[in-house]
N, C-alpha and C. Protein backbone atom coordinates (compact mmCIF):
# COMPACT_ATOMS: atom_id res chain seq x y z
N MET A 1 5.11 -15.84 24.62
CA MET A 1 5.87 -16.56 23.38
C MET A 1 6.16 -15.00 23.01
N LEU A 2 7.39 -15.24 22.59
CA LEU A 2 7.93 -14.42 21.72
C LEU A 2 7.69 -13.96 20.18
N ASN A 3 6.85 -12.61 20.17
CA ASN A 3 6.35 -12.63 18.79
C ASN A 3 7.48 -11.83 17.77
N ILE A 4 8.54 -12.52 17.20
CA ILE A 4 9.37 -12.40 16.44
C ILE A 4 9.33 -12.77 15.08
N ASN A 5 10.33 -12.68 14.00
CA ASN A 5 10.19 -13.37 12.50
C ASN A 5 11.17 -14.32 13.04
N ASP A 6 10.78 -15.72 12.76
CA ASP A 6 12.07 -16.56 13.11
C ASP A 6 12.59 -17.37 11.55
N GLY A 7 11.64 -16.75 10.53
CA GLY A 7 11.92 -17.15 9.34
C GLY A 7 11.36 -18.08 8.75
N SER A 8 10.30 -18.52 9.10
CA SER A 8 9.19 -19.88 9.04
C SER A 8 8.47 -19.28 8.06
N ALA A 9 7.71 -20.19 7.26
CA ALA A 9 6.55 -19.57 6.31
C ALA A 9 5.44 -18.91 7.07
N GLY A 10 5.17 -18.00 6.47
CA GLY A 10 3.72 -17.18 7.25
C GLY A 10 4.27 -16.30 8.01
N GLU A 11 4.99 -15.29 7.86
CA GLU A 11 5.36 -14.77 8.77
C GLU A 11 5.43 -12.91 7.55
N PHE A 12 4.73 -13.32 6.62
CA PHE A 12 4.58 -11.72 5.80
C PHE A 12 2.95 -11.09 5.96
N LYS A 13 2.98 -9.73 6.08
CA LYS A 13 1.38 -9.18 6.13
C LYS A 13 0.86 -9.43 4.45
N SER A 14 -0.16 -9.29 4.65
CA SER A 14 -1.02 -9.56 3.40
C SER A 14 -0.86 -8.40 2.68
N TYR A 15 -0.94 -7.82 1.39
CA TYR A 15 -0.64 -6.80 1.02
C TYR A 15 -1.11 -6.47 -0.13
N ILE A 16 -1.39 -5.13 -0.66
CA ILE A 16 -1.54 -4.43 -1.78
C ILE A 16 -0.81 -3.26 -2.34
N LYS A 17 -0.60 -3.73 -3.98
CA LYS A 17 0.51 -3.07 -4.18
C LYS A 17 -0.25 -2.63 -5.65
N TYR A 18 0.25 -1.57 -5.89
CA TYR A 18 0.35 -0.81 -7.41
C TYR A 18 1.32 -0.58 -8.54
N ASN A 19 1.04 -1.42 -9.59
CA ASN A 19 2.07 -1.27 -10.84
C ASN A 19 1.75 0.12 -11.50
N ALA A 20 3.30 0.87 -11.43
CA ALA A 20 2.85 1.95 -12.39
C ALA A 20 2.99 1.72 -13.79
N LYS A 21 3.83 1.07 -13.87
CA LYS A 21 3.83 0.84 -15.29
C LYS A 21 2.57 -0.06 -16.37
N ALA A 22 1.84 -0.40 -15.39
CA ALA A 22 0.77 -1.14 -15.76
C ALA A 22 -0.74 -0.53 -15.44
N GLY A 23 -0.57 0.24 -14.71
CA GLY A 23 -1.71 1.25 -13.96
C GLY A 23 -2.70 0.04 -13.46
N ARG A 24 -2.49 -0.97 -12.34
CA ARG A 24 -2.90 -1.96 -12.00
C ARG A 24 -2.86 -2.26 -11.06
N TRP A 25 -3.69 -2.32 -9.77
CA TRP A 25 -3.76 -2.80 -8.46
C TRP A 25 -3.75 -4.48 -8.05
N TYR A 26 -3.10 -4.91 -7.23
CA TYR A 26 -2.90 -6.64 -7.16
C TYR A 26 -2.91 -6.56 -5.44
N THR A 27 -3.39 -7.68 -5.22
CA THR A 27 -3.44 -8.28 -3.65
C THR A 27 -3.60 -9.72 -3.75
N ARG A 28 -2.93 -10.57 -2.79
CA ARG A 28 -3.14 -11.60 -2.64
C ARG A 28 -4.18 -12.17 -1.72
N LYS A 29 -5.02 -13.29 -2.91
CA LYS A 29 -6.06 -13.92 -2.07
C LYS A 29 -6.27 -15.23 -2.55
N ASP A 30 -6.15 -16.15 -1.32
CA ASP A 30 -6.13 -17.57 -1.52
C ASP A 30 -4.79 -18.26 -2.24
N GLY A 31 -4.10 -17.41 -1.80
CA GLY A 31 -2.35 -17.90 -2.69
C GLY A 31 -2.42 -17.49 -3.87
N GLU A 32 -2.90 -16.64 -3.95
CA GLU A 32 -2.80 -16.24 -5.93
C GLU A 32 -3.08 -14.60 -5.46
N GLU A 33 -2.27 -14.06 -6.82
CA GLU A 33 -2.31 -12.85 -6.66
C GLU A 33 -3.02 -12.69 -7.73
N VAL A 34 -4.28 -11.60 -7.40
CA VAL A 34 -5.27 -11.18 -8.06
C VAL A 34 -5.49 -9.38 -8.07
N GLU A 35 -6.04 -9.33 -9.72
CA GLU A 35 -5.87 -7.89 -9.72
C GLU A 35 -7.37 -6.94 -8.81
N VAL A 36 -7.28 -5.71 -8.53
CA VAL A 36 -8.38 -5.10 -7.46
C VAL A 36 -8.76 -3.86 -8.43
N LEU A 37 -9.80 -4.01 -9.08
CA LEU A 37 -10.38 -2.80 -9.97
C LEU A 37 -10.70 -1.72 -9.03
N ASN A 38 -9.96 -0.68 -9.10
CA ASN A 38 -10.19 0.67 -8.47
C ASN A 38 -10.60 0.39 -6.83
N PRO A 39 -9.92 0.05 -6.45
CA PRO A 39 -10.17 0.06 -4.84
C PRO A 39 -10.72 1.29 -3.78
N THR A 40 -11.02 0.90 -2.96
CA THR A 40 -11.32 1.93 -1.69
C THR A 40 -11.19 1.04 -0.70
N PHE A 41 -10.58 1.73 0.24
CA PHE A 41 -10.14 1.24 1.57
C PHE A 41 -9.56 2.07 2.25
N VAL A 42 -9.68 2.34 3.92
CA VAL A 42 -9.35 2.67 4.80
C VAL A 42 -8.19 2.98 5.16
N ALA A 43 -7.55 4.10 5.38
CA ALA A 43 -5.68 3.80 5.52
C ALA A 43 -5.47 4.54 6.57
N ASP A 44 -4.79 3.65 7.34
CA ASP A 44 -4.27 4.33 8.42
C ASP A 44 -2.95 5.24 8.57
N LEU A 45 -3.35 6.08 7.81
CA LEU A 45 -2.36 7.00 7.84
C LEU A 45 -2.03 7.65 9.23
N ASP A 46 -2.63 7.45 10.21
CA ASP A 46 -2.11 7.84 11.70
C ASP A 46 -0.46 7.03 11.67
N ASN A 47 -0.43 5.81 11.19
CA ASN A 47 1.00 5.22 11.40
C ASN A 47 1.84 4.83 10.06
N ILE A 48 1.53 5.91 9.20
CA ILE A 48 2.48 5.55 8.07
C ILE A 48 4.12 5.68 8.40
N LYS A 49 4.72 5.12 7.76
CA LYS A 49 6.18 5.12 8.05
C LYS A 49 6.95 5.37 6.66
N THR A 50 7.94 6.17 6.70
CA THR A 50 9.04 6.15 5.46
C THR A 50 10.02 5.17 6.09
N ALA A 51 10.76 5.13 4.58
CA ALA A 51 11.61 3.97 4.70
C ALA A 51 12.65 4.06 3.55
N TRP A 52 13.76 3.33 3.88
CA TRP A 52 14.69 2.89 2.54
C TRP A 52 14.57 1.50 2.26
N MET A 53 13.70 1.23 0.97
CA MET A 53 13.37 -0.39 0.87
C MET A 53 14.31 -0.81 -0.77
N TYR A 54 14.39 -1.92 -0.44
CA TYR A 54 15.22 -2.74 -1.76
C TYR A 54 14.06 -3.89 -1.44
N PHE A 55 13.67 -4.14 -3.18
CA PHE A 55 12.67 -5.32 -3.33
C PHE A 55 13.57 -6.11 -4.35
N ALA A 56 13.61 -7.27 -4.46
CA ALA A 56 14.90 -8.09 -4.87
C ALA A 56 13.46 -9.32 -5.25
N ALA A 57 13.25 -9.55 -6.74
CA ALA A 57 12.46 -10.82 -6.59
C ALA A 57 12.64 -12.04 -6.24
N GLY A 58 11.53 -12.62 -5.62
CA GLY A 58 11.42 -13.92 -4.99
C GLY A 58 11.69 -14.01 -3.49
N THR A 59 12.22 -12.56 -2.93
CA THR A 59 12.73 -12.55 -1.84
C THR A 59 11.98 -11.41 -0.83
N ALA A 60 11.83 -11.45 0.37
CA ALA A 60 11.18 -10.47 1.31
C ALA A 60 11.76 -9.35 0.92
N PRO A 61 11.03 -7.90 1.01
CA PRO A 61 11.78 -6.44 0.81
C PRO A 61 12.94 -6.63 2.03
N ASN A 62 13.76 -5.76 1.54
CA ASN A 62 14.76 -5.34 2.74
C ASN A 62 14.69 -3.71 3.16
N VAL A 63 14.11 -3.63 4.29
CA VAL A 63 13.20 -2.27 4.47
C VAL A 63 14.36 -1.83 5.84
N VAL A 64 14.34 -0.62 5.97
CA VAL A 64 15.29 0.13 6.85
C VAL A 64 14.20 1.44 6.72
N TYR A 65 13.51 1.79 8.52
CA TYR A 65 12.22 2.33 8.54
C TYR A 65 13.08 3.54 9.11
N ASP A 66 12.91 4.93 8.78
CA ASP A 66 13.01 6.24 9.38
C ASP A 66 12.76 6.45 10.52
N PRO A 67 13.99 6.80 11.60
CA PRO A 67 13.34 6.78 13.14
C PRO A 67 11.96 7.65 13.11
N SER A 68 11.84 8.26 12.23
CA SER A 68 10.50 9.40 12.33
C SER A 68 10.17 9.81 11.16
N LEU A 69 9.23 10.61 10.85
CA LEU A 69 8.68 11.13 9.56
C LEU A 69 9.62 12.52 9.04
N SER A 70 10.12 12.61 10.07
CA SER A 70 11.02 14.36 10.07
C SER A 70 12.67 13.36 10.17
N VAL A 71 12.81 12.28 10.22
CA VAL A 71 14.34 12.54 10.52
C VAL A 71 14.67 10.98 9.54
N GLN A 72 15.61 11.28 8.44
CA GLN A 72 16.00 9.82 7.76
C GLN A 72 17.10 9.07 8.22
N SER A 73 16.84 8.05 7.68
CA SER A 73 17.85 6.74 7.99
C SER A 73 19.06 7.26 7.03
N PRO A 74 20.26 6.81 7.49
CA PRO A 74 20.91 6.64 6.05
C PRO A 74 20.65 5.58 5.21
N LYS A 75 21.04 5.88 4.06
CA LYS A 75 21.04 4.87 2.63
C LYS A 75 21.39 3.71 3.36
N PRO A 76 20.97 2.67 3.04
CA PRO A 76 21.86 1.04 3.71
C PRO A 76 22.42 1.09 1.92
N SER A 77 22.05 0.86 0.79
CA SER A 77 22.85 0.44 -0.26
C SER A 77 22.25 1.29 -1.70
N ASP A 78 23.11 1.31 -2.49
CA ASP A 78 22.64 2.07 -3.78
C ASP A 78 21.22 1.38 -4.14
N ASP A 79 21.24 0.09 -4.18
CA ASP A 79 19.63 -0.21 -4.64
C ASP A 79 18.56 -0.19 -3.41
N HIS A 80 18.57 0.43 -2.58
CA HIS A 80 17.75 0.90 -1.65
C HIS A 80 16.97 2.41 -2.35
N LYS A 81 15.87 2.15 -2.49
CA LYS A 81 14.88 3.58 -2.87
C LYS A 81 14.03 3.67 -1.85
N LYS A 82 13.66 5.30 -1.71
CA LYS A 82 13.08 5.98 -0.70
C LYS A 82 11.70 5.48 -0.91
N GLY A 83 10.96 5.04 0.09
CA GLY A 83 9.58 5.07 -0.11
C GLY A 83 8.75 4.70 1.46
N PHE A 84 7.28 4.30 1.01
CA PHE A 84 6.33 4.32 2.40
C PHE A 84 5.70 3.23 2.29
N GLU A 85 5.32 3.32 3.81
CA GLU A 85 4.59 2.10 4.13
C GLU A 85 3.29 2.31 4.96
N PHE A 86 2.08 1.94 4.94
CA PHE A 86 1.22 1.82 5.76
C PHE A 86 0.12 0.80 5.67
N ASN A 87 -0.77 0.63 6.49
CA ASN A 87 -1.54 -0.53 6.57
C ASN A 87 -3.44 0.61 6.07
N VAL A 88 -3.89 -0.75 5.24
CA VAL A 88 -5.30 0.03 4.47
C VAL A 88 -6.17 -1.49 4.61
N PHE A 89 -7.10 -0.79 4.79
CA PHE A 89 -8.40 -1.78 5.09
C PHE A 89 -9.49 -1.99 4.33
N SER A 90 -10.08 -3.14 3.85
CA SER A 90 -11.30 -3.33 3.03
C SER A 90 -11.58 -4.90 3.19
N GLN A 91 -12.49 -4.63 4.05
CA GLN A 91 -13.04 -6.46 3.90
C GLN A 91 -13.59 -7.19 2.50
N LEU A 92 -14.60 -6.34 1.94
CA LEU A 92 -14.99 -6.56 0.56
C LEU A 92 -13.84 -7.00 -0.81
N GLN A 93 -12.76 -6.02 -0.84
CA GLN A 93 -12.10 -5.94 -1.88
C GLN A 93 -10.95 -6.42 -1.30
N LEU A 94 -10.15 -6.43 0.05
CA LEU A 94 -8.97 -6.80 0.13
C LEU A 94 -9.04 -8.39 1.35
N GLY A 95 -9.89 -8.63 1.70
CA GLY A 95 -9.94 -9.52 2.47
C GLY A 95 -9.66 -9.20 4.17
N GLY A 96 -9.62 -7.90 4.13
CA GLY A 96 -9.16 -7.64 5.57
C GLY A 96 -8.26 -6.31 5.65
N VAL A 97 -7.21 -6.35 6.25
CA VAL A 97 -6.05 -5.38 6.23
C VAL A 97 -4.90 -5.95 5.65
N CYS A 98 -4.36 -4.84 4.62
CA CYS A 98 -3.09 -5.17 4.23
C CYS A 98 -2.18 -4.04 4.01
N VAL A 99 -0.87 -4.47 3.83
CA VAL A 99 0.03 -3.20 3.64
C VAL A 99 0.54 -3.16 2.69
N PHE A 100 0.82 -1.46 2.35
CA PHE A 100 0.48 -0.59 1.11
C PHE A 100 2.16 -0.06 1.28
N SER A 101 3.16 -0.81 0.16
CA SER A 101 4.04 0.20 0.48
C SER A 101 4.46 0.48 -1.27
N SER A 102 5.65 1.23 -1.42
CA SER A 102 5.95 1.66 -2.65
C SER A 102 7.21 2.43 -2.77
N THR A 103 7.89 2.07 -3.73
CA THR A 103 9.13 3.05 -3.73
C THR A 103 9.16 4.04 -5.06
N SER A 104 8.00 3.93 -5.76
CA SER A 104 7.48 4.34 -7.13
C SER A 104 7.38 5.94 -7.02
N GLY A 105 8.37 6.57 -7.65
CA GLY A 105 8.36 8.39 -7.52
C GLY A 105 6.64 8.71 -7.65
N ILE A 106 6.08 7.85 -8.85
CA ILE A 106 4.69 8.54 -9.27
C ILE A 106 3.84 8.48 -7.94
N VAL A 107 4.18 6.81 -7.33
CA VAL A 107 3.16 6.98 -6.27
C VAL A 107 3.33 7.72 -5.05
N GLY A 108 4.44 7.97 -4.80
CA GLY A 108 4.80 8.33 -4.17
C GLY A 108 4.42 9.97 -3.49
N GLY A 109 4.29 10.83 -5.01
CA GLY A 109 3.65 11.97 -5.43
C GLY A 109 2.47 12.02 -5.14
N VAL A 110 1.17 11.20 -5.19
CA VAL A 110 0.19 10.67 -4.79
C VAL A 110 -0.15 10.86 -3.42
N ILE A 111 0.60 10.09 -2.61
CA ILE A 111 0.70 9.68 -1.17
C ILE A 111 0.73 10.97 -0.55
N LYS A 112 2.08 11.58 -0.89
CA LYS A 112 2.48 12.83 -0.50
C LYS A 112 1.07 13.61 -0.54
N ASP A 113 0.68 14.24 -1.40
CA ASP A 113 -0.69 15.04 -1.58
C ASP A 113 -1.57 14.38 -0.60
N LEU A 114 -1.98 13.00 -0.97
CA LEU A 114 -3.14 12.80 -0.04
C LEU A 114 -2.77 13.11 1.61
N TYR A 115 -1.65 12.57 1.72
CA TYR A 115 -1.31 12.88 3.29
C TYR A 115 -1.17 14.59 3.82
N SER A 116 -0.82 15.43 3.14
CA SER A 116 -0.95 16.80 3.00
C SER A 116 -2.85 17.29 3.21
N GLN A 117 -3.72 16.67 2.85
CA GLN A 117 -4.82 16.74 2.92
C GLN A 117 -5.57 16.14 4.24
N TYR A 118 -4.85 14.95 4.44
CA TYR A 118 -5.04 14.20 5.55
C TYR A 118 -4.77 14.94 7.22
N GLU A 119 -3.49 15.43 6.79
CA GLU A 119 -3.19 16.34 7.92
C GLU A 119 -4.13 17.76 8.16
N ALA A 120 -4.39 18.30 7.09
CA ALA A 120 -5.35 19.58 7.11
C ALA A 120 -6.71 18.63 7.83
N GLU A 121 -6.86 17.54 7.55
CA GLU A 121 -8.60 17.33 8.11
C GLU A 121 -8.79 16.40 9.28
N LYS A 122 -7.58 16.02 9.62
CA LYS A 122 -7.39 15.11 10.71
C LYS A 122 -7.95 15.78 12.12
N ALA A 123 -7.86 17.25 12.25
CA ALA A 123 -8.29 17.79 13.87
C ALA A 123 -10.08 17.83 13.60
N ALA A 124 -10.12 17.98 12.95
CA ALA A 124 -11.65 18.02 12.81
C ALA A 124 -12.23 16.21 12.14
N ASN A 125 -11.49 15.36 12.49
CA ASN A 125 -11.96 14.20 12.54
C ASN A 125 -11.25 13.32 13.56
N VAL A 126 -11.08 13.36 14.61
CA VAL A 126 -10.70 12.85 16.13
C VAL A 126 -11.20 11.43 15.85
N GLY A 127 -10.40 10.32 15.90
CA GLY A 127 -10.84 9.23 16.18
C GLY A 127 -10.88 8.59 15.13
N SER A 128 -11.01 9.04 13.74
CA SER A 128 -11.61 8.47 12.95
C SER A 128 -9.87 8.36 11.26
N LEU A 129 -10.21 7.79 10.29
CA LEU A 129 -9.16 7.65 9.64
C LEU A 129 -10.08 8.00 8.14
N PRO A 130 -9.23 8.29 7.08
CA PRO A 130 -9.55 8.34 5.85
C PRO A 130 -10.05 7.12 5.21
N VAL A 131 -10.88 7.44 4.32
CA VAL A 131 -11.12 6.29 3.38
C VAL A 131 -11.01 6.96 1.76
N ILE A 132 -10.02 6.11 1.08
CA ILE A 132 -9.23 6.54 0.09
C ILE A 132 -9.96 5.78 -1.32
N GLU A 133 -10.54 6.59 -2.05
CA GLU A 133 -10.84 5.92 -3.37
C GLU A 133 -9.76 6.25 -4.41
N CYS A 134 -9.69 5.05 -5.28
CA CYS A 134 -8.62 4.80 -6.85
C CYS A 134 -9.99 4.69 -7.37
N SER A 135 -10.19 5.93 -8.17
CA SER A 135 -11.25 6.08 -9.42
C SER A 135 -10.71 5.63 -10.81
N GLY A 136 -9.13 5.50 -11.14
CA GLY A 136 -9.24 5.32 -12.43
C GLY A 136 -7.26 5.76 -12.15
N VAL A 137 -6.69 6.07 -13.35
CA VAL A 137 -5.59 6.14 -13.36
C VAL A 137 -5.44 7.45 -14.75
N THR A 138 -4.30 8.23 -14.91
CA THR A 138 -3.94 9.15 -15.26
C THR A 138 -2.34 8.78 -16.32
N PRO A 139 -2.35 8.43 -17.49
CA PRO A 139 -0.91 8.61 -17.87
C PRO A 139 -0.02 9.60 -17.91
N GLU A 140 1.53 9.03 -17.62
CA GLU A 140 2.11 10.30 -17.85
C GLU A 140 3.58 9.54 -18.36
N THR A 141 3.83 10.48 -19.40
CA THR A 141 5.17 9.99 -20.19
C THR A 141 6.48 10.74 -19.67
N GLY A 142 7.85 10.15 -19.21
CA GLY A 142 8.50 10.65 -18.79
C GLY A 142 9.93 10.34 -19.24
N LYS A 143 10.89 10.35 -18.41
CA LYS A 143 12.04 9.77 -18.53
C LYS A 143 12.22 7.96 -18.85
N HIS A 144 10.90 7.53 -18.03
CA HIS A 144 11.25 6.18 -18.00
C HIS A 144 9.69 5.38 -18.76
N GLY A 145 9.79 6.10 -19.47
CA GLY A 145 8.51 6.01 -20.70
C GLY A 145 7.12 6.38 -19.87
N THR A 146 5.92 5.51 -20.14
CA THR A 146 4.75 5.79 -20.06
C THR A 146 4.58 5.08 -18.79
N ASN A 147 4.26 5.57 -17.43
CA ASN A 147 3.45 5.17 -16.20
C ASN A 147 2.26 5.85 -16.23
N TYR A 148 1.53 5.04 -14.89
CA TYR A 148 -0.06 5.40 -14.50
C TYR A 148 -0.10 5.98 -13.46
N ARG A 149 -0.34 7.38 -12.81
CA ARG A 149 -0.73 8.00 -11.91
C ARG A 149 -2.04 7.16 -11.79
N PRO A 150 -1.84 6.58 -10.42
CA PRO A 150 -3.39 6.41 -10.00
C PRO A 150 -4.13 7.67 -9.13
N LYS A 151 -5.45 7.83 -9.78
CA LYS A 151 -6.22 8.85 -9.20
C LYS A 151 -6.84 8.38 -7.69
N MET A 152 -6.54 9.12 -6.85
CA MET A 152 -6.73 8.45 -5.22
C MET A 152 -7.04 10.17 -4.68
N LYS A 153 -8.15 9.61 -3.94
CA LYS A 153 -8.46 10.93 -3.00
C LYS A 153 -9.36 10.25 -2.05
N ILE A 154 -9.11 11.14 -1.27
CA ILE A 154 -10.08 10.97 0.65
C ILE A 154 -11.60 11.47 0.14
N VAL A 155 -12.38 10.51 0.32
CA VAL A 155 -13.63 10.93 -0.16
C VAL A 155 -14.69 10.97 1.47
N LYS A 156 -13.98 10.29 2.54
CA LYS A 156 -14.90 10.64 3.70
C LYS A 156 -13.85 9.86 4.78
N TRP A 157 -14.32 10.58 5.86
CA TRP A 157 -13.66 9.94 7.07
C TRP A 157 -14.69 8.64 7.82
N THR A 158 -13.70 7.92 8.48
CA THR A 158 -14.82 6.52 9.10
C THR A 158 -14.13 5.96 10.35
N LYS A 159 -14.96 5.96 11.13
CA LYS A 159 -13.98 5.13 12.67
C LYS A 159 -13.04 3.92 12.28
N ARG A 160 -11.85 4.35 12.97
CA ARG A 160 -10.90 3.44 12.84
C ARG A 160 -11.15 1.87 13.14
N PRO A 161 -11.10 1.16 11.90
CA PRO A 161 -11.43 -0.07 12.23
C PRO A 161 -11.12 -1.09 13.05
N ASP A 162 -11.24 -1.98 13.94
CA ASP A 162 -10.86 -2.58 15.09
C ASP A 162 -9.60 -3.59 14.13
N ALA A 163 -10.01 -3.83 12.83
CA ALA A 163 -9.19 -4.96 12.32
C ALA A 163 -7.94 -4.89 12.31
N PHE A 164 -7.21 -3.06 12.63
CA PHE A 164 -6.38 -2.75 12.12
C PHE A 164 -5.13 -3.07 13.31
N ASP A 165 -6.07 -3.47 14.63
CA ASP A 165 -5.65 -4.34 15.97
C ASP A 165 -4.93 -5.33 15.96
N ASP A 166 -5.41 -6.22 14.58
CA ASP A 166 -5.10 -7.88 14.57
C ASP A 166 -5.03 -7.99 13.25
N VAL A 167 -3.64 -7.86 12.88
CA VAL A 167 -3.15 -7.91 11.41
C VAL A 167 -2.73 -9.37 11.24
N SER A 168 -3.33 -9.64 9.99
CA SER A 168 -3.09 -11.12 9.91
C SER A 168 -2.09 -11.31 8.77
N TYR A 169 -1.33 -12.65 8.46
CA TYR A 169 -0.21 -12.77 7.74
C TYR A 169 -0.58 -13.60 6.59
N VAL A 170 0.39 -13.62 5.31
CA VAL A 170 -0.17 -14.73 4.73
C VAL A 170 1.63 -15.40 4.09
N GLU A 171 1.57 -16.14 3.52
CA GLU A 171 2.73 -16.76 3.00
C GLU A 171 3.59 -16.24 2.09
N THR A 172 3.35 -15.37 1.65
CA THR A 172 4.44 -14.69 0.90
C THR A 172 4.42 -13.27 0.47
N ALA A 173 5.78 -13.00 0.60
CA ALA A 173 5.93 -11.18 0.51
C ALA A 173 5.60 -10.90 -0.88
N PRO A 174 5.57 -9.48 -0.77
CA PRO A 174 5.23 -8.79 -2.20
C PRO A 174 6.26 -8.75 -2.89
N THR A 175 6.24 -8.44 -4.01
CA THR A 175 7.17 -8.23 -5.00
C THR A 175 7.15 -6.95 -5.61
N GLN A 176 8.56 -5.97 -6.21
CA GLN A 176 8.07 -4.97 -6.80
C GLN A 176 7.11 -5.10 -7.82
N GLN A 177 7.82 -5.86 -8.55
CA GLN A 177 6.78 -6.00 -10.30
C GLN A 177 5.68 -6.72 -10.18
N ALA A 178 4.55 -6.49 -11.00
CA ALA A 178 3.22 -7.16 -11.29
C ALA A 178 3.55 -7.69 -12.63
N ALA A 179 2.84 -8.72 -12.66
CA ALA A 179 2.71 -9.21 -14.75
C ALA A 179 1.98 -7.99 -14.96
N GLU A 180 2.74 -7.81 -16.14
CA GLU A 180 2.53 -6.86 -17.16
C GLU A 180 0.88 -7.20 -17.85
N THR A 181 -0.18 -8.30 -17.71
CA THR A 181 -0.81 -8.91 -18.15
C THR A 181 -2.02 -8.79 -17.03
N ALA A 182 -2.90 -8.71 -17.36
CA ALA A 182 -4.26 -9.12 -16.04
C ALA A 182 -4.13 -10.63 -15.74
N PRO A 183 -4.41 -10.59 -14.70
CA PRO A 183 -4.48 -12.06 -13.85
C PRO A 183 -6.10 -12.74 -14.16
N ASP A 184 -6.31 -13.62 -14.31
CA ASP A 184 -7.55 -14.49 -14.59
C ASP A 184 -8.53 -13.74 -13.31
N VAL A 185 -8.19 -13.37 -12.49
CA VAL A 185 -9.14 -13.00 -11.33
C VAL A 185 -9.09 -11.70 -11.00
N ALA A 186 -10.24 -10.65 -11.29
CA ALA A 186 -10.36 -9.23 -10.80
C ALA A 186 -11.34 -9.08 -9.65
N VAL A 187 -10.97 -8.62 -8.79
CA VAL A 187 -11.97 -8.18 -7.81
C VAL A 187 -12.80 -6.57 -7.79
N SER A 188 -13.96 -6.61 -8.18
CA SER A 188 -14.68 -5.02 -8.17
C SER A 188 -14.82 -4.55 -7.32
N ASN A 189 -14.98 -3.06 -7.48
CA ASN A 189 -15.70 -1.92 -6.41
C ASN A 189 -17.01 -1.86 -6.38
N SER A 190 -18.14 -2.78 -6.64
CA SER A 190 -19.01 -2.85 -6.77
C SER A 190 -20.01 -2.57 -5.75
N VAL A 191 -19.60 -2.50 -4.55
CA VAL A 191 -20.21 -2.35 -3.54
C VAL A 191 -19.60 -1.46 -2.21
N SER A 192 -20.15 -0.66 -1.57
CA SER A 192 -19.06 0.65 -0.93
C SER A 192 -19.30 -0.40 0.51
N GLU A 193 -18.49 -0.37 1.42
CA GLU A 193 -18.68 -1.18 2.67
C GLU A 193 -18.52 0.29 3.53
N PHE A 194 -18.10 1.07 3.42
CA PHE A 194 -18.07 2.17 4.07
C PHE A 194 -18.84 3.22 4.28
């Protein structure tokens, strides 16, 4: 069977997203978007991608991937913004593997710093991936008002989860904006699985 998107439902990866305006994390569980409090996850930074991305409400993101991390694709339109994408894993908080992507400058800066740390430490951690802990937010006021920088750090390294080899899908793609109010359901980071 040819494994390509034919436009039918169920073709989008599960996701986790960060709303910098609200300082909150969201994922999709059982068909509903729910808030995740201070997530901790394994990050597949071995396979991070950079891309031009355009998020329009109610549709799948339009993504044009760069050929490599050092070579950038031409910008497809004025609506596209530079971003990143990589898979993360937490069975307890996310229900498995999710894709994490963003075009937010504040989030991109955090990921750029984490990636530098990852590159500096990966030779000493062959076969392992970093466990990233999100411990809160720091408000920053700029030309776009107040945004919240996520506090993220590599807390340890762990064996690459087998789950990254079998990525599942959900029925809905992520949207760029999340609700400004907290959803009724929130998933806590009360127990570490790593």
